[in-house]
Amino acid sequence: MPTEAPALSSASAMAKDLGVSDAKVKKAIQDLGLAAAAKKGCCSFYDAEAMAKLKAFFK
């Protein structure tokens, strides 16, 4: 039985959802010390928990 994979988003996708620039999201990820849930090549992908922390950071 296949299990449902968690939804992962790139920093760019999260920036678009939050309505801020990519650079601001990438800086916030560094400042908050968020770790990527997955990596594919040089791209990092973050889970819903990271997105929630970013939403709180930008409010």
PDB file of N, CA and C in Angstrom:
ATOM      1  N   MET A   1       0.844  -1.172   0.000  1.00  0.00           N
ATOM      2  CA  MET A   1       0.000   0.000   0.000  1.00  0.00           C
ATOM      3  C   MET A   1       0.896   1.244   0.000  1.00  0.00           C
ATOM      4  N   PRO A   2       0.782   2.110  -1.007  1.00  0.00           N
ATOM      5  CA  PRO A   2       1.632   3.300  -1.053  1.00  0.00           C
ATOM      6  C   PRO A   2       1.210   4.315   0.018  1.00  0.00           C
ATOM      7  N   THR A   3       2.230   4.936   0.598  1.00  0.00           N
ATOM      8  CA  THR A   3       1.949   5.981   1.582  1.00  0.00           C
ATOM      9  C   THR A   3       2.031   7.331   0.902  1.00  0.00           C
ATOM     10  N   GLU A   4       1.259   8.255   1.384  1.00  0.00           N
ATOM     11  CA  GLU A   4       1.223   9.585   0.787  1.00  0.00           C
ATOM     12  C   GLU A   4       2.451  10.369   1.225  1.00  0.00           C
ATOM     13  N   ALA A   5       3.184  10.910   0.276  1.00  0.00           N
ATOM     14  CA  ALA A   5       4.384  11.689   0.577  1.00  0.00           C
ATOM     15  C   ALA A   5       3.980  13.073   1.090  1.00  0.00           C
ATOM     16  N   PRO A   6       4.741  13.606   2.036  1.00  0.00           N
ATOM     17  CA  PRO A   6       4.417  14.943   2.535  1.00  0.00           C
ATOM     18  C   PRO A   6       4.631  15.987   1.437  1.00  0.00           C
ATOM     19  N   ALA A   7       3.849  17.030   1.471  1.00  0.00           N
ATOM     20  CA  ALA A   7       3.985  18.093   0.478  1.00  0.00           C
ATOM     21  C   ALA A   7       5.246  18.891   0.793  1.00  0.00           C
ATOM     22  N   LEU A   8       6.103  19.004  -0.172  1.00  0.00           N
ATOM     23  CA  LEU A   8       7.343  19.755  -0.008  1.00  0.00           C
ATOM     24  C   LEU A   8       7.353  20.918  -0.988  1.00  0.00           C
ATOM     25  N   SER A   9       7.938  22.028  -0.562  1.00  0.00           N
ATOM     26  CA  SER A   9       8.000  23.219  -1.397  1.00  0.00           C
ATOM     27  C   SER A   9       9.410  23.777  -1.421  1.00  0.00           C
ATOM     28  N   SER A  10       9.772  24.358  -2.540  1.00  0.00           N
ATOM     29  CA  SER A  10      11.060  25.035  -2.639  1.00  0.00           C
ATOM     30  C   SER A  10      10.935  26.427  -2.027  1.00  0.00           C
ATOM     31  N   ALA A  11      12.063  27.059  -1.783  1.00  0.00           N
ATOM     32  CA  ALA A  11      12.059  28.408  -1.232  1.00  0.00           C
ATOM     33  C   ALA A  11      11.344  29.369  -2.181  1.00  0.00           C
ATOM     34  N   SER A  12      11.526  29.177  -3.461  1.00  0.00           N
ATOM     35  CA  SER A  12      10.887  30.031  -4.455  1.00  0.00           C
ATOM     36  C   SER A  12       9.360  29.895  -4.414  1.00  0.00           C
ATOM     37  N   ALA A  13       8.886  28.658  -4.295  1.00  0.00           N
ATOM     38  CA  ALA A  13       7.436  28.421  -4.230  1.00  0.00           C
ATOM     39  C   ALA A  13       6.853  29.015  -2.950  1.00  0.00           C
ATOM     40  N   MET A  14       7.584  28.895  -1.842  1.00  0.00           N
ATOM     41  CA  MET A  14       7.104  29.454  -0.581  1.00  0.00           C
ATOM     42  C   MET A  14       7.072  30.979  -0.653  1.00  0.00           C
ATOM     43  N   ALA A  15       8.060  31.573  -1.316  1.00  0.00           N
ATOM     44  CA  ALA A  15       8.095  33.029  -1.474  1.00  0.00           C
ATOM     45  C   ALA A  15       6.877  33.508  -2.249  1.00  0.00           C
ATOM     46  N   LYS A  16       6.530  32.793  -3.294  1.00  0.00           N
ATOM     47  CA  LYS A  16       5.363  33.146  -4.099  1.00  0.00           C
ATOM     48  C   LYS A  16       4.090  33.060  -3.261  1.00  0.00           C
ATOM     49  N   ASP A  17       3.961  31.993  -2.451  1.00  0.00           N
ATOM     50  CA  ASP A  17       2.787  31.824  -1.591  1.00  0.00           C
ATOM     51  C   ASP A  17       2.699  32.917  -0.523  1.00  0.00           C
ATOM     52  N   LEU A  18       3.849  33.345  -0.023  1.00  0.00           N
ATOM     53  CA  LEU A  18       3.886  34.356   1.039  1.00  0.00           C
ATOM     54  C   LEU A  18       3.834  35.791   0.500  1.00  0.00           C
ATOM     55  N   GLY A  19       4.068  35.956  -0.788  1.00  0.00           N
ATOM     56  CA  GLY A  19       4.043  37.283  -1.390  1.00  0.00           C
ATOM     57  C   GLY A  19       5.273  38.120  -1.079  1.00  0.00           C
ATOM     58  N   VAL A  20       6.408  37.450  -0.880  1.00  0.00           N
ATOM     59  CA  VAL A  20       7.670  38.149  -0.629  1.00  0.00           C
ATOM     60  C   VAL A  20       8.708  37.657  -1.635  1.00  0.00           C
ATOM     61  N   SER A  21       9.848  38.310  -1.652  1.00  0.00           N
ATOM     62  CA  SER A  21      10.882  37.930  -2.615  1.00  0.00           C
ATOM     63  C   SER A  21      11.590  36.638  -2.200  1.00  0.00           C
ATOM     64  N   ASP A  22      12.199  35.988  -3.184  1.00  0.00           N
ATOM     65  CA  ASP A  22      12.966  34.771  -2.928  1.00  0.00           C
ATOM     66  C   ASP A  22      14.088  35.055  -1.934  1.00  0.00           C
ATOM     67  N   ALA A  23      14.754  36.174  -2.106  1.00  0.00           N
ATOM     68  CA  ALA A  23      15.887  36.520  -1.243  1.00  0.00           C
ATOM     69  C   ALA A  23      15.454  36.654   0.217  1.00  0.00           C
ATOM     70  N   LYS A  24      14.284  37.250   0.459  1.00  0.00           N
ATOM     71  CA  LYS A  24      13.796  37.395   1.834  1.00  0.00           C
ATOM     72  C   LYS A  24      13.515  36.036   2.457  1.00  0.00           C
ATOM     73  N   VAL A  25      12.939  35.124   1.688  1.00  0.00           N
ATOM     74  CA  VAL A  25      12.650  33.777   2.202  1.00  0.00           C
ATOM     75  C   VAL A  25      13.954  33.036   2.478  1.00  0.00           C
ATOM     76  N   LYS A  26      14.901  33.116   1.578  1.00  0.00           N
ATOM     77  CA  LYS A  26      16.174  32.420   1.769  1.00  0.00           C
ATOM     78  C   LYS A  26      16.912  32.962   2.994  1.00  0.00           C
ATOM     79  N   LYS A  27      16.853  34.279   3.204  1.00  0.00           N
ATOM     80  CA  LYS A  27      17.479  34.883   4.384  1.00  0.00           C
ATOM     81  C   LYS A  27      16.758  34.427   5.648  1.00  0.00           C
ATOM     82  N   ALA A  28      15.421  34.383   5.616  1.00  0.00           N
ATOM     83  CA  ALA A  28      14.641  33.942   6.775  1.00  0.00           C
ATOM     84  C   ALA A  28      14.940  32.478   7.096  1.00  0.00           C
ATOM     85  N   ILE A  29      15.105  31.654   6.079  1.00  0.00           N
ATOM     86  CA  ILE A  29      15.445  30.241   6.296  1.00  0.00           C
ATOM     87  C   ILE A  29      16.770  30.142   7.034  1.00  0.00           C
ATOM     88  N   GLN A  30      17.733  30.963   6.636  1.00  0.00           N
ATOM     89  CA  GLN A  30      19.033  30.984   7.317  1.00  0.00           C
ATOM     90  C   GLN A  30      18.886  31.492   8.744  1.00  0.00           C
ATOM     91  N   ASP A  31      18.181  32.606   8.914  1.00  0.00           N
ATOM     92  CA  ASP A  31      18.019  33.217  10.244  1.00  0.00           C
ATOM     93  C   ASP A  31      17.307  32.280  11.211  1.00  0.00           C
ATOM     94  N   LEU A  32      16.307  31.547  10.717  1.00  0.00           N
ATOM     95  CA  LEU A  32      15.544  30.631  11.560  1.00  0.00           C
ATOM     96  C   LEU A  32      16.234  29.270  11.729  1.00  0.00           C
ATOM     97  N   GLY A  33      17.258  29.029  10.941  1.00  0.00           N
ATOM     98  CA  GLY A  33      17.984  27.762  11.024  1.00  0.00           C
ATOM     99  C   GLY A  33      17.171  26.574  10.561  1.00  0.00           C
ATOM    100  N   LEU A  34      16.327  26.787   9.563  1.00  0.00           N
ATOM    101  CA  LEU A  34      15.482  25.699   9.055  1.00  0.00           C
ATOM    102  C   LEU A  34      16.304  24.738   8.202  1.00  0.00           C
ATOM    103  N   ALA A  35      16.077  23.468   8.408  1.00  0.00           N
ATOM    104  CA  ALA A  35      16.767  22.442   7.628  1.00  0.00           C
ATOM    105  C   ALA A  35      15.826  21.936   6.540  1.00  0.00           C
ATOM    106  N   ALA A  36      16.390  21.624   5.412  1.00  0.00           N
ATOM    107  CA  ALA A  36      15.598  21.098   4.300  1.00  0.00           C
ATOM    108  C   ALA A  36      15.097  19.705   4.639  1.00  0.00           C
ATOM    109  N   ALA A  37      13.857  19.434   4.286  1.00  0.00           N
ATOM    110  CA  ALA A  37      13.281  18.103   4.497  1.00  0.00           C
ATOM    111  C   ALA A  37      13.788  17.129   3.437  1.00  0.00           C
ATOM    112  N   ALA A  38      14.145  17.674   2.266  1.00  0.00           N
ATOM    113  CA  ALA A  38      14.669  16.848   1.181  1.00  0.00           C
ATOM    114  C   ALA A  38      15.539  17.711   0.278  1.00  0.00           C
ATOM    115  N   LYS A  39      16.465  17.061  -0.397  1.00  0.00           N
ATOM    116  CA  LYS A  39      17.312  17.752  -1.365  1.00  0.00           C
ATOM    117  C   LYS A  39      17.324  16.945  -2.647  1.00  0.00           C
ATOM    118  N   LYS A  40      17.295  17.652  -3.759  1.00  0.00           N
ATOM    119  CA  LYS A  40      17.428  17.010  -5.058  1.00  0.00           C
ATOM    120  C   LYS A  40      18.425  17.845  -5.838  1.00  0.00           C
ATOM    121  N   GLY A  41      19.615  17.315  -5.997  1.00  0.00           N
ATOM    122  CA  GLY A  41      20.681  18.088  -6.607  1.00  0.00           C
ATOM    123  C   GLY A  41      21.040  19.247  -5.697  1.00  0.00           C
ATOM    124  N   CYS A  42      21.003  20.450  -6.238  1.00  0.00           N
ATOM    125  CA  CYS A  42      21.318  21.636  -5.434  1.00  0.00           C
ATOM    126  C   CYS A  42      20.061  22.297  -4.864  1.00  0.00           C
ATOM    127  N   CYS A  43      18.897  21.727  -5.134  1.00  0.00           N
ATOM    128  CA  CYS A  43      17.629  22.315  -4.682  1.00  0.00           C
ATOM    129  C   CYS A  43      17.211  21.732  -3.334  1.00  0.00           C
ATOM    130  N   SER A  44      16.761  22.615  -2.446  1.00  0.00           N
ATOM    131  CA  SER A  44      16.262  22.203  -1.142  1.00  0.00           C
ATOM    132  C   SER A  44      14.748  22.342  -1.120  1.00  0.00           C
ATOM    133  N   PHE A  45      14.100  21.395  -0.464  1.00  0.00           N
ATOM    134  CA  PHE A  45      12.649  21.406  -0.348  1.00  0.00           C
ATOM    135  C   PHE A  45      12.273  21.349   1.123  1.00  0.00           C
ATOM    136  N   TYR A  46      11.271  22.129   1.495  1.00  0.00           N
ATOM    137  CA  TYR A  46      10.884  22.290   2.891  1.00  0.00           C
ATOM    138  C   TYR A  46       9.464  21.782   3.111  1.00  0.00           C
ATOM    139  N   ASP A  47       9.198  21.314   4.340  1.00  0.00           N
ATOM    140  CA  ASP A  47       7.890  20.750   4.673  1.00  0.00           C
ATOM    141  C   ASP A  47       6.930  21.818   5.193  1.00  0.00           C
ATOM    142  N   ALA A  48       5.728  21.385   5.548  1.00  0.00           N
ATOM    143  CA  ALA A  48       4.680  22.295   6.011  1.00  0.00           C
ATOM    144  C   ALA A  48       5.062  22.990   7.319  1.00  0.00           C
ATOM    145  N   GLU A  49       5.836  22.323   8.159  1.00  0.00           N
ATOM    146  CA  GLU A  49       6.275  22.925   9.425  1.00  0.00           C
ATOM    147  C   GLU A  49       7.161  24.143   9.161  1.00  0.00           C
ATOM    148  N   ALA A  50       8.055  24.033   8.183  1.00  0.00           N
ATOM    149  CA  ALA A  50       8.915  25.150   7.820  1.00  0.00           C
ATOM    150  C   ALA A  50       8.082  26.303   7.258  1.00  0.00           C
ATOM    151  N   MET A  51       7.068  25.968   6.465  1.00  0.00           N
ATOM    152  CA  MET A  51       6.192  26.991   5.897  1.00  0.00           C
ATOM    153  C   MET A  51       5.455  27.734   7.012  1.00  0.00           C
ATOM    154  N   ALA A  52       5.002  27.011   8.020  1.00  0.00           N
ATOM    155  CA  ALA A  52       4.293  27.641   9.141  1.00  0.00           C
ATOM    156  C   ALA A  52       5.227  28.597   9.897  1.00  0.00           C
ATOM    157  N   LYS A  53       6.472  28.201  10.079  1.00  0.00           N
ATOM    158  CA  LYS A  53       7.436  29.067  10.756  1.00  0.00           C
ATOM    159  C   LYS A  53       7.717  30.331   9.939  1.00  0.00           C
ATOM    160  N   LEU A  54       7.787  30.169   8.624  1.00  0.00           N
ATOM    161  CA  LEU A  54       8.006  31.334   7.759  1.00  0.00           C
ATOM    162  C   LEU A  54       6.811  32.278   7.764  1.00  0.00           C
ATOM    163  N   LYS A  55       5.595  31.706   7.772  1.00  0.00           N
ATOM    164  CA  LYS A  55       4.393  32.544   7.837  1.00  0.00           C
ATOM    165  C   LYS A  55       4.410  33.390   9.112  1.00  0.00           C
ATOM    166  N   ALA A  56       4.763  32.780  10.223  1.00  0.00           N
ATOM    167  CA  ALA A  56       4.844  33.501  11.494  1.00  0.00           C
ATOM    168  C   ALA A  56       5.950  34.542  11.455  1.00  0.00           C
ATOM    169  N   PHE A  57       7.044  34.249  10.811  1.00  0.00           N
ATOM    170  CA  PHE A  57       8.176  35.175  10.711  1.00  0.00           C
ATOM    171  C   PHE A  57       7.806  36.427   9.937  1.00  0.00           C
ATOM    172  N   PHE A  58       7.013  36.277   8.881  1.00  0.00           N
ATOM    173  CA  PHE A  58       6.668  37.415   8.033  1.00  0.00           C
ATOM    174  C   PHE A  58       5.411  38.165   8.463  1.00  0.00           C
ATOM    175  N   LYS A  59       4.760  37.763   9.549  1.00  0.00           N
ATOM    176  CA  LYS A  59       3.584  38.493  10.030  1.00  0.00           C
ATOM    177  C   LYS A  59       3.976  39.615  10.924  1.00  0.00           C
TER     178      LYS A  59
END
